[in-house]
């Protein structure tokens, strides 16, 4: 919990926590892919949200 309710920070929004099922599910629903594909994207490019989203966008374009 943050020290101040007004200072929440943005670090958590910049990462995809592959160990958090709700977060994996959210990203999967956003891109219309399976949870396994999101987990695979995190393994392939790391947990940067920007990199994971770019990876999933490129994968869906190649279909």
Protein backbone atom coordinates (compact mmCIF):
# COMPACT_ATOMS: atom_id res chain seq x y z
CA UNK A 1 0.00 0.00 0.00
CA UNK A 2 1.41 3.42 -0.90
CA UNK A 3 2.27 5.91 1.80
CA UNK A 4 -0.03 8.45 0.20
CA UNK A 5 -3.29 7.67 -1.55
CA UNK A 6 -2.55 10.45 -4.03
CA UNK A 7 0.87 9.07 -4.96
CA UNK A 8 0.14 5.69 -6.51
CA UNK A 9 2.86 5.68 -9.14
CA UNK A 10 2.76 4.19 -12.61
CA UNK A 11 5.34 1.45 -12.36
CA UNK A 12 2.81 -1.35 -12.03
CA UNK A 13 1.00 -0.23 -15.16
CA UNK A 14 4.21 -0.50 -17.17
CA UNK A 15 4.62 -4.22 -16.49
CA UNK A 16 2.55 -7.34 -17.08
CA UNK A 17 2.61 -9.58 -14.02
CA UNK A 18 2.46 -13.03 -15.59
CA UNK A 19 1.91 -14.55 -12.14
CA UNK A 20 -1.33 -12.61 -11.65
CA UNK A 21 -4.14 -14.50 -13.40
CA UNK A 22 -6.47 -11.48 -13.47
CA UNK A 23 -3.85 -9.36 -15.22
CA UNK A 24 -3.05 -12.06 -17.78
CA UNK A 25 -6.79 -12.48 -18.39
CA UNK A 26 -7.19 -8.71 -18.88
CA UNK A 27 -4.45 -8.56 -21.51
CA UNK A 28 -5.80 -11.70 -23.21
CA UNK A 29 -9.29 -10.20 -23.47
CA UNK A 30 -7.90 -6.88 -24.71
CA UNK A 31 -6.11 -8.58 -27.63
CA UNK A 32 -8.49 -11.49 -28.20
CA UNK A 33 -5.87 -14.14 -27.45
CA UNK A 34 -5.57 -16.94 -24.91
CA UNK A 35 -3.93 -16.61 -21.50
CA UNK A 36 -1.25 -19.04 -22.67
CA UNK A 37 -0.39 -16.71 -25.55
CA UNK A 38 0.01 -13.79 -23.14
CA UNK A 39 2.26 -15.87 -20.91
CA UNK A 40 4.26 -16.89 -23.98
CA UNK A 41 4.60 -13.25 -25.01
CA UNK A 42 5.94 -12.36 -21.55
CA UNK A 43 8.46 -15.19 -21.82
CA UNK A 44 9.48 -14.08 -25.32
CA UNK A 45 9.90 -10.33 -24.77
CA UNK A 46 9.90 -9.79 -21.00
CA UNK A 47 7.26 -8.19 -18.81
CA UNK A 48 7.24 -4.68 -20.29
CA UNK A 49 3.60 -3.95 -21.12
CA UNK A 50 4.60 -2.00 -24.22
CA UNK A 51 6.73 -4.88 -25.55
CA UNK A 52 4.10 -7.53 -24.74
CA UNK A 53 1.36 -5.53 -26.47
CA UNK A 54 3.54 -4.94 -29.55
CA UNK A 55 4.40 -8.66 -29.68
CA UNK A 56 0.72 -9.65 -29.49
CA UNK A 57 -0.26 -7.05 -32.12
CA UNK A 58 2.38 -8.38 -34.51
CA UNK A 59 1.36 -11.98 -33.87
CA UNK A 60 -2.31 -11.23 -34.62
CA UNK A 61 -1.37 -9.40 -37.86
CA UNK A 62 0.58 -12.40 -39.12
CA UNK A 63 -2.50 -14.64 -38.97
